[in-house]
N, C-alpha and C. Protein backbone atom coordinates (compact mmCIF):
# COMPACT_ATOMS: atom_id res chain seq x y z
N UNK A 1 0.83 -1.21 -0.03
CA UNK A 1 0.01 -0.03 -0.02
C UNK A 1 0.87 1.29 -0.01
N UNK A 2 1.87 1.28 0.92
CA UNK A 2 2.76 2.39 0.99
C UNK A 2 3.59 2.54 -0.29
N UNK A 3 4.03 1.36 -0.80
CA UNK A 3 4.87 1.42 -2.04
C UNK A 3 4.09 1.93 -3.22
N UNK A 4 2.80 1.52 -3.33
CA UNK A 4 1.95 1.99 -4.41
C UNK A 4 1.82 3.56 -4.32
N UNK A 5 1.63 3.99 -3.16
CA UNK A 5 1.41 5.45 -2.97
C UNK A 5 2.65 6.23 -3.49
N UNK A 6 3.77 5.65 -3.00
CA UNK A 6 5.04 6.36 -3.37
C UNK A 6 5.29 6.32 -4.92
N UNK A 7 5.03 5.19 -5.54
CA UNK A 7 5.28 5.06 -6.92
C UNK A 7 4.32 5.90 -7.65
N UNK A 8 3.17 6.14 -7.15
CA UNK A 8 2.15 6.89 -7.89
C UNK A 8 2.38 8.45 -7.78
N UNK A 9 3.37 8.90 -7.02
CA UNK A 9 3.52 10.28 -6.88
C UNK A 9 4.05 10.96 -8.09
N UNK A 10 3.91 12.27 -8.28
CA UNK A 10 4.23 12.92 -9.49
C UNK A 10 5.67 12.81 -9.87
N UNK A 11 6.55 12.76 -8.84
CA UNK A 11 8.05 12.73 -9.20
C UNK A 11 8.37 11.49 -9.88
N UNK A 12 7.74 10.38 -9.72
CA UNK A 12 8.14 9.12 -10.38
C UNK A 12 7.79 9.15 -11.89
N UNK A 13 6.67 9.92 -12.23
CA UNK A 13 6.26 9.95 -13.57
C UNK A 13 7.03 10.97 -14.42
N UNK A 14 7.96 11.70 -13.79
CA UNK A 14 8.76 12.70 -14.50
C UNK A 14 9.54 12.00 -15.56
N UNK A 15 9.59 12.62 -16.77
CA UNK A 15 10.29 12.04 -17.85
C UNK A 15 11.82 11.90 -17.64
N UNK A 16 12.34 12.82 -16.71
CA UNK A 16 13.73 12.76 -16.37
C UNK A 16 14.14 11.75 -15.40
N UNK A 17 13.16 10.99 -14.83
CA UNK A 17 13.45 9.99 -13.85
C UNK A 17 13.01 8.60 -14.35
N UNK A 18 13.85 7.70 -14.28
CA UNK A 18 13.61 6.33 -14.68
C UNK A 18 13.87 5.39 -13.55
N UNK A 19 12.85 4.64 -13.21
CA UNK A 19 13.04 3.64 -12.12
C UNK A 19 13.16 2.30 -12.74
N UNK A 20 14.23 1.65 -12.50
CA UNK A 20 14.55 0.37 -13.16
C UNK A 20 13.57 -0.75 -12.57
N UNK A 21 13.22 -0.66 -11.38
CA UNK A 21 12.40 -1.66 -10.73
C UNK A 21 11.63 -1.06 -9.60
N UNK A 22 10.28 -1.38 -9.69
CA UNK A 22 9.54 -0.99 -8.48
C UNK A 22 8.59 -2.10 -8.09
N UNK A 23 8.11 -2.92 -9.17
CA UNK A 23 7.26 -4.01 -8.79
C UNK A 23 8.13 -5.10 -8.15
N UNK A 24 7.69 -5.67 -7.01
CA UNK A 24 8.42 -6.61 -6.30
C UNK A 24 9.64 -6.09 -5.53
N UNK A 25 9.65 -4.80 -5.42
CA UNK A 25 10.82 -4.19 -4.75
C UNK A 25 10.76 -4.57 -3.26
N UNK A 26 11.79 -4.99 -2.67
CA UNK A 26 11.86 -5.48 -1.31
C UNK A 26 12.71 -4.48 -0.47
N UNK A 27 12.15 -4.29 0.74
CA UNK A 27 12.80 -3.46 1.78
C UNK A 27 12.82 -4.30 3.04
N UNK A 28 13.77 -3.91 3.87
CA UNK A 28 13.85 -4.58 5.22
C UNK A 28 12.63 -4.36 6.09
N UNK A 29 12.18 -5.41 6.75
CA UNK A 29 10.95 -5.29 7.53
C UNK A 29 11.25 -4.41 8.73
N UNK A 30 10.25 -3.62 9.02
CA UNK A 30 10.30 -2.76 10.21
C UNK A 30 9.33 -3.27 11.27
N UNK A 31 9.84 -3.53 12.45
CA UNK A 31 9.04 -4.11 13.52
C UNK A 31 8.72 -2.99 14.44
N UNK A 32 7.41 -2.87 14.77
CA UNK A 32 6.91 -1.86 15.74
C UNK A 32 7.47 -2.26 17.14
N UNK A 33 8.05 -1.40 17.88
CA UNK A 33 8.69 -1.63 19.14
C UNK A 33 7.53 -1.83 20.23
N UNK A 34 7.75 -2.76 21.04
CA UNK A 34 6.78 -3.04 22.17
C UNK A 34 6.94 -1.92 23.14
N UNK A 35 5.82 -1.74 23.96
CA UNK A 35 5.81 -0.81 24.99
C UNK A 35 5.95 -1.54 26.34
N UNK A 36 6.93 -1.36 27.07
CA UNK A 36 7.20 -1.99 28.35
C UNK A 36 6.70 -1.17 29.52
N UNK A 37 6.64 -1.87 30.68
CA UNK A 37 6.26 -1.05 31.85
C UNK A 37 7.20 0.03 32.18
N UNK A 38 8.48 -0.23 31.90
CA UNK A 38 9.54 0.74 32.06
C UNK A 38 9.34 1.89 31.24
N UNK A 39 8.92 1.67 29.96
CA UNK A 39 8.60 2.83 29.06
C UNK A 39 7.49 3.73 29.62
N UNK A 40 6.48 3.06 30.22
CA UNK A 40 5.30 3.78 30.75
C UNK A 40 5.73 4.64 31.92
N UNK A 41 6.57 3.99 32.79
CA UNK A 41 7.05 4.72 34.00
C UNK A 41 7.91 5.91 33.64
N UNK A 42 8.80 5.67 32.58
CA UNK A 42 9.66 6.77 32.12
C UNK A 42 8.85 7.91 31.53
N UNK A 43 7.77 7.63 30.83
CA UNK A 43 6.93 8.64 30.26
C UNK A 43 6.22 9.45 31.33
N UNK A 44 5.67 8.71 32.35
CA UNK A 44 5.05 9.41 33.44
C UNK A 44 5.94 10.22 34.21
N UNK A 45 7.19 9.80 34.44
CA UNK A 45 8.24 10.57 35.08
C UNK A 45 8.47 11.89 34.33
N UNK A 46 8.57 11.76 33.08
CA UNK A 46 8.80 12.97 32.21
C UNK A 46 7.58 13.93 32.34
N UNK A 47 6.40 13.39 32.32
CA UNK A 47 5.23 14.29 32.49
C UNK A 47 5.22 14.93 33.88
N UNK A 48 5.57 14.25 34.91
CA UNK A 48 5.57 14.89 36.22
C UNK A 48 6.65 15.93 36.37
N UNK A 49 7.73 15.73 35.69
CA UNK A 49 8.85 16.75 35.64
C UNK A 49 8.34 18.14 35.18
N UNK A 50 7.36 18.11 34.34
CA UNK A 50 6.80 19.35 33.86
C UNK A 50 6.04 20.21 34.98
N UNK A 51 5.71 19.43 36.05
CA UNK A 51 4.97 20.10 37.09
C UNK A 51 5.93 20.47 38.27
N UNK A 52 7.24 20.20 38.09
CA UNK A 52 8.16 20.39 39.22
C UNK A 52 8.22 21.82 39.62
N UNK A 53 8.37 22.05 40.90
CA UNK A 53 8.60 23.40 41.43
C UNK A 53 10.06 23.48 41.98
N UNK A 54 10.55 24.65 42.24
CA UNK A 54 11.91 24.76 42.68
C UNK A 54 11.97 25.65 44.00
N UNK A 55 12.97 25.49 44.77
CA UNK A 55 13.19 26.20 46.03
C UNK A 55 14.62 26.47 46.22
N UNK A 56 15.00 27.73 46.38
CA UNK A 56 16.39 28.13 46.61
C UNK A 56 16.80 27.65 48.00
N UNK A 57 17.93 27.01 48.08
CA UNK A 57 18.47 26.44 49.30
C UNK A 57 19.67 27.34 49.87
N UNK A 58 19.63 27.52 51.15
CA UNK A 58 20.68 28.34 51.72
C UNK A 58 21.33 27.69 52.96
N UNK A 59 20.59 26.66 53.49
CA UNK A 59 21.16 26.19 54.85
C UNK A 59 21.49 24.76 54.86
N UNK A 60 21.82 24.19 53.74
CA UNK A 60 22.23 22.75 53.76
C UNK A 60 23.23 22.48 52.54
N UNK A 61 24.03 21.43 52.58
CA UNK A 61 24.85 21.12 51.50
C UNK A 61 24.08 20.62 50.22
N UNK A 62 24.76 20.61 49.14
CA UNK A 62 24.11 20.17 47.93
C UNK A 62 23.86 18.63 48.01
N UNK A 63 22.78 18.09 47.41
CA UNK A 63 22.48 16.77 47.43
C UNK A 63 21.98 16.32 46.01
N UNK A 64 22.02 14.99 45.82
CA UNK A 64 21.57 14.53 44.57
C UNK A 64 20.12 14.95 44.23
N UNK A 65 19.94 15.39 43.00
CA UNK A 65 18.66 15.89 42.59
C UNK A 65 18.53 17.39 42.55
N UNK A 66 19.47 18.05 43.33
CA UNK A 66 19.54 19.50 43.30
C UNK A 66 20.00 20.10 42.01
N UNK A 67 19.63 21.34 41.69
CA UNK A 67 20.24 22.10 40.60
C UNK A 67 21.16 23.05 41.15
N UNK A 68 22.51 22.98 40.80
CA UNK A 68 23.46 23.90 41.31
C UNK A 68 24.03 24.77 40.26
N UNK A 69 24.58 25.90 40.64
CA UNK A 69 25.27 26.79 39.76
C UNK A 69 26.75 26.80 40.15
N UNK A 70 27.68 26.46 39.28
CA UNK A 70 29.07 26.34 39.59
C UNK A 70 29.97 27.12 38.58
N UNK A 71 31.16 27.49 39.12
CA UNK A 71 32.22 27.87 38.25
C UNK A 71 33.23 26.68 38.34
N UNK A 72 33.93 26.35 37.25
CA UNK A 72 34.88 25.27 37.29
C UNK A 72 36.00 25.50 36.30
N UNK A 73 37.18 24.96 36.69
CA UNK A 73 38.34 25.05 35.76
C UNK A 73 38.97 23.68 35.74
N UNK A 74 39.16 23.11 34.52
CA UNK A 74 39.78 21.83 34.49
C UNK A 74 41.21 21.89 34.00
N UNK A 75 42.12 21.21 34.63
CA UNK A 75 43.52 21.29 34.26
C UNK A 75 44.17 19.82 34.16
N UNK A 76 44.98 19.72 33.16
CA UNK A 76 45.76 18.47 33.02
C UNK A 76 47.17 18.87 33.20
N UNK A 77 47.85 18.27 34.27
CA UNK A 77 49.29 18.55 34.58
C UNK A 77 49.44 20.09 34.84
N UNK A 78 48.47 20.71 35.38
CA UNK A 78 48.55 22.10 35.80
C UNK A 78 48.18 23.13 34.67
N UNK A 79 47.87 22.52 33.53
CA UNK A 79 47.49 23.47 32.39
C UNK A 79 46.03 23.26 31.99
N UNK A 80 45.29 24.35 31.86
CA UNK A 80 43.91 24.29 31.48
C UNK A 80 43.82 23.64 30.03
N UNK A 81 42.74 22.81 30.01
CA UNK A 81 42.53 22.13 28.64
C UNK A 81 41.24 22.75 28.04
N UNK A 82 41.17 22.66 26.70
CA UNK A 82 40.07 23.22 25.97
C UNK A 82 38.75 22.52 26.38
N UNK A 83 37.77 23.35 26.65
CA UNK A 83 36.39 22.82 26.96
C UNK A 83 36.28 22.36 28.37
N UNK A 84 37.32 22.60 29.21
CA UNK A 84 37.27 22.08 30.60
C UNK A 84 36.87 23.09 31.65
N UNK A 85 36.47 24.24 31.17
CA UNK A 85 36.08 25.40 32.13
C UNK A 85 34.74 25.97 31.81
N UNK A 86 34.07 26.56 32.86
CA UNK A 86 32.84 27.10 32.71
C UNK A 86 32.47 28.05 33.79
N UNK A 87 31.65 29.04 33.57
CA UNK A 87 31.21 30.03 34.59
C UNK A 87 29.74 29.97 34.64
N UNK A 88 29.16 30.08 35.86
CA UNK A 88 27.70 30.13 36.10
C UNK A 88 27.02 29.01 35.38
N UNK A 89 27.55 27.83 35.46
CA UNK A 89 27.06 26.65 34.77
C UNK A 89 25.99 25.96 35.65
N UNK A 90 24.78 25.68 35.08
CA UNK A 90 23.74 25.07 35.81
C UNK A 90 23.91 23.58 35.55
N UNK A 91 23.80 22.75 36.68
CA UNK A 91 23.99 21.34 36.60
C UNK A 91 23.04 20.67 37.61
N UNK A 92 22.26 19.72 37.08
CA UNK A 92 21.43 18.97 37.94
C UNK A 92 22.13 17.76 38.42
N UNK A 93 22.38 17.59 39.66
CA UNK A 93 23.25 16.55 40.25
C UNK A 93 22.53 15.22 40.15
N UNK A 94 23.18 14.26 39.53
CA UNK A 94 22.62 12.95 39.39
C UNK A 94 22.18 12.67 37.92
N UNK A 95 22.30 13.54 37.07
CA UNK A 95 21.95 13.31 35.66
C UNK A 95 23.05 12.74 34.84
N UNK A 96 24.28 12.74 35.33
CA UNK A 96 25.41 12.16 34.55
C UNK A 96 25.80 13.03 33.43
N UNK A 97 25.57 14.33 33.54
CA UNK A 97 25.96 15.30 32.53
C UNK A 97 27.45 15.41 32.33
N UNK A 98 28.12 15.43 33.51
CA UNK A 98 29.62 15.56 33.54
C UNK A 98 30.16 14.15 33.61
N UNK A 99 31.52 14.17 33.52
CA UNK A 99 32.16 12.78 33.61
C UNK A 99 32.03 12.20 34.96
N UNK A 100 32.17 10.89 35.08
CA UNK A 100 31.94 10.16 36.26
C UNK A 100 32.81 10.74 37.46
N UNK A 101 32.15 10.94 38.62
CA UNK A 101 32.80 11.43 39.75
C UNK A 101 32.61 12.91 39.98
N UNK A 102 32.32 13.69 38.86
CA UNK A 102 32.27 15.09 39.04
C UNK A 102 31.05 15.49 39.88
N UNK A 103 29.88 14.99 39.51
CA UNK A 103 28.63 15.40 40.25
C UNK A 103 28.62 14.84 41.69
N UNK A 104 29.18 13.56 41.79
CA UNK A 104 29.29 13.02 43.18
C UNK A 104 30.20 13.90 44.07
N UNK A 105 31.18 14.49 43.36
CA UNK A 105 32.11 15.35 44.17
C UNK A 105 31.49 16.64 44.61
N UNK A 106 30.47 17.12 44.00
CA UNK A 106 29.73 18.36 44.31
C UNK A 106 28.73 18.09 45.43
N UNK A 107 28.23 16.86 45.53
CA UNK A 107 27.31 16.46 46.57
C UNK A 107 27.94 16.62 47.89
N UNK A 108 27.31 17.21 48.88
CA UNK A 108 27.86 17.41 50.15
C UNK A 108 28.64 18.70 50.43
N UNK A 109 28.78 19.47 49.26
CA UNK A 109 29.52 20.80 49.45
C UNK A 109 28.49 21.87 49.74
N UNK A 110 29.03 22.99 50.26
CA UNK A 110 28.20 24.15 50.69
C UNK A 110 28.36 25.31 49.78
N UNK A 111 27.43 26.18 49.74
CA UNK A 111 27.47 27.43 48.85
C UNK A 111 28.75 28.22 49.31
N UNK A 112 29.48 28.69 48.30
CA UNK A 112 30.62 29.45 48.52
C UNK A 112 31.93 28.66 48.70
N UNK A 113 31.82 27.34 48.76
CA UNK A 113 32.88 26.45 48.94
C UNK A 113 33.67 26.23 47.62
N UNK A 114 35.01 26.29 47.65
CA UNK A 114 35.83 25.94 46.44
C UNK A 114 36.68 24.72 46.81
N UNK A 115 36.67 23.73 45.81
CA UNK A 115 37.25 22.50 46.06
C UNK A 115 37.83 21.91 44.79
N UNK A 116 38.74 20.94 44.95
CA UNK A 116 39.32 20.28 43.86
C UNK A 116 38.72 18.88 43.72
N UNK A 117 38.55 18.50 42.51
CA UNK A 117 38.10 17.07 42.16
C UNK A 117 39.13 16.43 41.25
N UNK A 118 39.79 15.37 41.75
CA UNK A 118 40.78 14.66 41.04
C UNK A 118 40.09 13.56 40.27
N UNK A 119 39.98 13.65 38.96
CA UNK A 119 39.12 12.72 38.17
C UNK A 119 39.93 12.17 36.97
N UNK A 120 39.38 11.19 36.34
CA UNK A 120 39.93 10.56 35.13
C UNK A 120 38.89 10.46 34.10
N UNK A 121 39.09 10.91 32.89
CA UNK A 121 38.14 10.86 31.84
C UNK A 121 38.04 9.39 31.43
N UNK A 122 36.79 8.91 31.06
CA UNK A 122 36.61 7.60 30.60
C UNK A 122 37.48 7.26 29.40
N UNK A 123 37.88 5.97 29.26
CA UNK A 123 38.74 5.57 28.18
C UNK A 123 38.10 5.65 26.81
N UNK A 124 36.73 5.61 26.85
CA UNK A 124 36.02 5.77 25.54
C UNK A 124 35.22 7.07 25.50
N UNK A 125 35.89 8.11 25.91
CA UNK A 125 35.23 9.45 25.96
C UNK A 125 35.13 10.04 24.56
N UNK A 126 33.98 9.79 23.91
CA UNK A 126 33.88 10.19 22.48
C UNK A 126 33.76 11.73 22.27
N UNK A 127 33.07 12.47 23.24
CA UNK A 127 33.01 13.94 22.96
C UNK A 127 34.31 14.63 22.73
N UNK A 128 35.33 14.12 23.36
CA UNK A 128 36.69 14.69 23.15
C UNK A 128 37.74 13.55 23.27
N UNK A 129 37.90 12.81 22.20
CA UNK A 129 38.82 11.63 22.24
C UNK A 129 40.24 11.99 22.71
N UNK A 130 40.66 13.28 22.58
CA UNK A 130 42.01 13.65 23.07
C UNK A 130 42.14 13.59 24.53
N UNK A 131 41.01 13.65 25.25
CA UNK A 131 41.05 13.63 26.67
C UNK A 131 40.78 12.26 27.23
N UNK A 132 40.40 11.31 26.42
CA UNK A 132 40.09 9.95 26.88
C UNK A 132 41.16 9.32 27.76
N UNK A 133 40.76 8.89 28.89
CA UNK A 133 41.68 8.18 29.76
C UNK A 133 42.64 9.09 30.61
N UNK A 134 42.52 10.37 30.44
CA UNK A 134 43.57 11.23 31.05
C UNK A 134 43.08 11.71 32.42
N UNK A 135 44.05 11.80 33.35
CA UNK A 135 43.79 12.31 34.72
C UNK A 135 43.78 13.88 34.75
N UNK A 136 42.75 14.41 35.33
CA UNK A 136 42.65 15.89 35.40
C UNK A 136 42.27 16.25 36.80
N UNK A 137 42.33 17.58 37.06
CA UNK A 137 41.81 18.24 38.25
C UNK A 137 40.90 19.33 37.92
N UNK A 138 39.68 19.29 38.46
CA UNK A 138 38.73 20.27 38.32
C UNK A 138 38.70 21.09 39.63
N UNK A 139 38.87 22.46 39.48
CA UNK A 139 38.65 23.31 40.69
C UNK A 139 37.28 23.98 40.54
N UNK A 140 36.46 23.65 41.50
CA UNK A 140 35.03 23.94 41.37
C UNK A 140 34.65 24.91 42.53
N UNK A 141 33.83 25.95 42.21
CA UNK A 141 33.25 26.79 43.23
C UNK A 141 31.72 26.65 43.07
N UNK A 142 31.09 26.33 44.28
CA UNK A 142 29.67 26.14 44.31
C UNK A 142 29.01 27.49 44.64
N UNK A 143 28.22 28.04 43.72
CA UNK A 143 27.63 29.35 43.89
C UNK A 143 26.19 29.37 44.41
N UNK A 144 25.37 28.36 43.98
CA UNK A 144 24.01 28.35 44.52
C UNK A 144 23.49 26.97 44.44
N UNK A 145 22.41 26.68 45.20
CA UNK A 145 21.74 25.35 45.25
C UNK A 145 20.28 25.67 45.13
N UNK A 146 19.63 24.90 44.30
CA UNK A 146 18.14 24.91 44.10
C UNK A 146 17.60 23.54 44.18
N UNK A 147 16.61 23.35 45.00
CA UNK A 147 15.92 22.00 45.17
C UNK A 147 14.81 21.96 44.18
N UNK A 148 14.68 20.79 43.60
CA UNK A 148 13.54 20.62 42.62
C UNK A 148 12.63 19.65 43.26
N UNK A 149 11.36 19.95 43.28
CA UNK A 149 10.34 19.14 43.91
C UNK A 149 9.38 18.62 42.83
N UNK A 150 9.46 17.33 42.52
CA UNK A 150 8.56 16.71 41.50
C UNK A 150 7.41 16.06 42.22
N UNK A 151 6.18 16.40 41.86
CA UNK A 151 5.03 15.81 42.57
C UNK A 151 4.86 14.37 42.36
N UNK A 152 4.26 13.65 43.30
CA UNK A 152 4.00 12.21 43.10
C UNK A 152 2.74 12.12 42.24
N UNK A 153 2.62 10.91 41.65
CA UNK A 153 1.49 10.64 40.84
C UNK A 153 0.25 10.27 41.66
N UNK A 154 -0.64 11.25 41.75
CA UNK A 154 -1.86 10.98 42.51
C UNK A 154 -3.14 11.35 41.64
N UNK A 155 -4.23 10.99 42.11
CA UNK A 155 -5.45 11.32 41.33
C UNK A 155 -5.61 12.85 41.18
N UNK A 156 -5.22 13.61 42.22
CA UNK A 156 -5.36 15.07 42.13
C UNK A 156 -4.43 15.66 41.05
N UNK A 157 -3.41 15.03 40.71
CA UNK A 157 -2.44 15.50 39.85
C UNK A 157 -2.78 15.23 38.38
N UNK A 158 -3.65 14.27 38.06
CA UNK A 158 -4.04 13.83 36.81
C UNK A 158 -4.59 14.98 35.93
N UNK A 159 -5.43 15.77 36.50
CA UNK A 159 -5.95 16.93 35.77
C UNK A 159 -4.89 17.92 35.32
N UNK A 160 -3.97 18.08 36.25
CA UNK A 160 -2.82 19.05 35.91
C UNK A 160 -2.00 18.48 34.78
N UNK A 161 -2.04 17.21 34.50
CA UNK A 161 -1.29 16.61 33.54
C UNK A 161 -2.11 16.59 32.19
N UNK A 162 -3.35 17.16 32.24
CA UNK A 162 -4.15 17.25 31.08
C UNK A 162 -4.83 15.95 30.75
N UNK A 163 -4.90 15.01 31.72
CA UNK A 163 -5.55 13.76 31.45
C UNK A 163 -6.97 13.75 31.95
N UNK A 164 -7.86 12.95 31.27
CA UNK A 164 -9.26 12.88 31.63
C UNK A 164 -9.43 11.52 32.49
N UNK A 165 -8.32 10.84 32.85
CA UNK A 165 -8.45 9.67 33.59
C UNK A 165 -8.94 9.94 35.05
N UNK A 166 -9.66 8.96 35.50
CA UNK A 166 -10.23 9.11 36.88
C UNK A 166 -9.40 8.39 37.91
N UNK A 167 -8.61 7.46 37.49
CA UNK A 167 -7.74 6.66 38.36
C UNK A 167 -6.37 6.53 37.82
N UNK A 168 -5.46 6.23 38.66
CA UNK A 168 -4.03 6.07 38.32
C UNK A 168 -3.93 4.92 37.25
N UNK A 169 -4.64 3.90 37.44
CA UNK A 169 -4.53 2.77 36.53
C UNK A 169 -5.07 3.20 35.12
N UNK A 170 -6.13 3.97 35.11
CA UNK A 170 -6.72 4.41 33.84
C UNK A 170 -5.65 5.28 33.12
N UNK A 171 -5.01 6.12 33.90
CA UNK A 171 -4.00 7.02 33.35
C UNK A 171 -2.82 6.26 32.77
N UNK A 172 -2.39 5.26 33.53
CA UNK A 172 -1.23 4.44 32.96
C UNK A 172 -1.62 3.78 31.68
N UNK A 173 -2.95 3.32 31.63
CA UNK A 173 -3.35 2.63 30.43
C UNK A 173 -3.44 3.61 29.25
N UNK A 174 -3.85 4.82 29.53
CA UNK A 174 -3.80 5.89 28.44
C UNK A 174 -2.35 6.19 28.00
N UNK A 175 -1.45 6.25 28.94
CA UNK A 175 -0.04 6.47 28.60
C UNK A 175 0.44 5.37 27.69
N UNK A 176 0.17 4.16 28.06
CA UNK A 176 0.61 3.00 27.29
C UNK A 176 0.08 2.96 25.92
N UNK A 177 -1.18 3.32 25.78
CA UNK A 177 -1.83 3.39 24.48
C UNK A 177 -1.22 4.44 23.61
N UNK A 178 -0.91 5.63 24.21
CA UNK A 178 -0.34 6.67 23.45
C UNK A 178 1.04 6.29 22.94
N UNK A 179 1.77 5.60 23.78
CA UNK A 179 3.19 5.14 23.44
C UNK A 179 3.10 4.11 22.29
N UNK A 180 2.02 3.21 22.37
CA UNK A 180 1.91 2.31 21.27
C UNK A 180 1.57 2.97 19.94
N UNK A 181 0.81 3.94 19.95
CA UNK A 181 0.44 4.75 18.76
C UNK A 181 1.71 5.43 18.25
N UNK A 182 2.49 6.03 19.14
CA UNK A 182 3.73 6.66 18.80
C UNK A 182 4.69 5.69 18.11
N UNK A 183 4.86 4.51 18.77
CA UNK A 183 5.74 3.53 18.11
C UNK A 183 5.32 3.09 16.77
N UNK A 184 4.00 2.86 16.62
CA UNK A 184 3.40 2.50 15.27
C UNK A 184 3.75 3.52 14.24
N UNK A 185 3.55 4.84 14.60
CA UNK A 185 3.87 5.87 13.73
C UNK A 185 5.31 5.96 13.36
N UNK A 186 6.16 5.75 14.33
CA UNK A 186 7.58 5.78 14.08
C UNK A 186 7.98 4.66 13.14
N UNK A 187 7.40 3.54 13.36
CA UNK A 187 7.67 2.33 12.47
C UNK A 187 7.25 2.58 11.01
N UNK A 188 6.03 3.22 10.89
CA UNK A 188 5.53 3.53 9.61
C UNK A 188 6.34 4.61 8.90
N UNK A 189 6.82 5.57 9.69
CA UNK A 189 7.74 6.55 9.10
C UNK A 189 9.07 5.88 8.59
N UNK A 190 9.56 5.02 9.46
CA UNK A 190 10.84 4.41 9.11
C UNK A 190 10.61 3.58 7.91
N UNK A 191 9.45 2.89 7.71
CA UNK A 191 9.23 2.02 6.55
C UNK A 191 9.18 2.87 5.28
N UNK A 192 8.46 4.06 5.36
CA UNK A 192 8.36 4.92 4.26
C UNK A 192 9.75 5.39 3.87
N UNK A 193 10.61 5.75 4.80
CA UNK A 193 11.96 6.20 4.43
C UNK A 193 12.70 5.08 3.74
N UNK A 194 12.62 3.85 4.29
CA UNK A 194 13.33 2.74 3.63
C UNK A 194 12.81 2.50 2.19
N UNK A 195 11.46 2.66 1.89
CA UNK A 195 10.93 2.58 0.54
C UNK A 195 11.49 3.63 -0.34
N UNK A 196 11.51 4.83 0.12
CA UNK A 196 12.04 5.96 -0.61
C UNK A 196 13.48 5.68 -0.98
N UNK A 197 14.27 5.29 -0.01
CA UNK A 197 15.69 4.94 -0.29
C UNK A 197 15.83 3.91 -1.32
N UNK A 198 14.98 2.82 -1.27
CA UNK A 198 15.11 1.71 -2.15
C UNK A 198 14.71 2.19 -3.59
N UNK A 199 13.72 3.13 -3.64
CA UNK A 199 13.38 3.57 -4.96
C UNK A 199 14.44 4.50 -5.58
N UNK A 200 15.10 5.37 -4.69
CA UNK A 200 16.16 6.20 -5.14
C UNK A 200 17.33 5.35 -5.68
N UNK A 201 17.55 4.21 -5.07
CA UNK A 201 18.61 3.29 -5.55
C UNK A 201 18.31 2.82 -6.96
N UNK A 202 17.06 2.76 -7.32
CA UNK A 202 16.67 2.27 -8.63
C UNK A 202 16.77 3.44 -9.71
């Protein structure tokens, strides 16, 4: 059905385009991805994140889940390296945005504190292969801490999420159905792309 639609489009009938083969043209099968319980929970977590509120923290150390603002300077053998420094950088602790050990090193520190983190870049660090496996020192200053409060999934929260569900179970079922539809559409789009590529090869 999709192949017929593509073959029937105006561009195929253009005198300047000749397709050597389109009947019986084969493309690799596209399988629609299943929706797992983990997929549903991840989608719900993402939805709840949109309702998160923040609170500026003054009287405790940074902890996992906080959003901090930091200045940092990275050095290898005492020399600053390219891309290793930043000012007023926002970082959510626990997201794994920085190299392993960096965010853990900020946890437990207080506002105004400056400290060194002795770390090693991963051996397979693709963003900057030149730094892969190298030992470095980051000097970090913690400038502010903001706590993020993500609401729990309750019946009262469903309306805020734009859902018409009356129960948590009904909402999860809706999310799962939406994900199934999205996966089906993605599979269809991928199939159309494969068909177009196969036709272009002809």
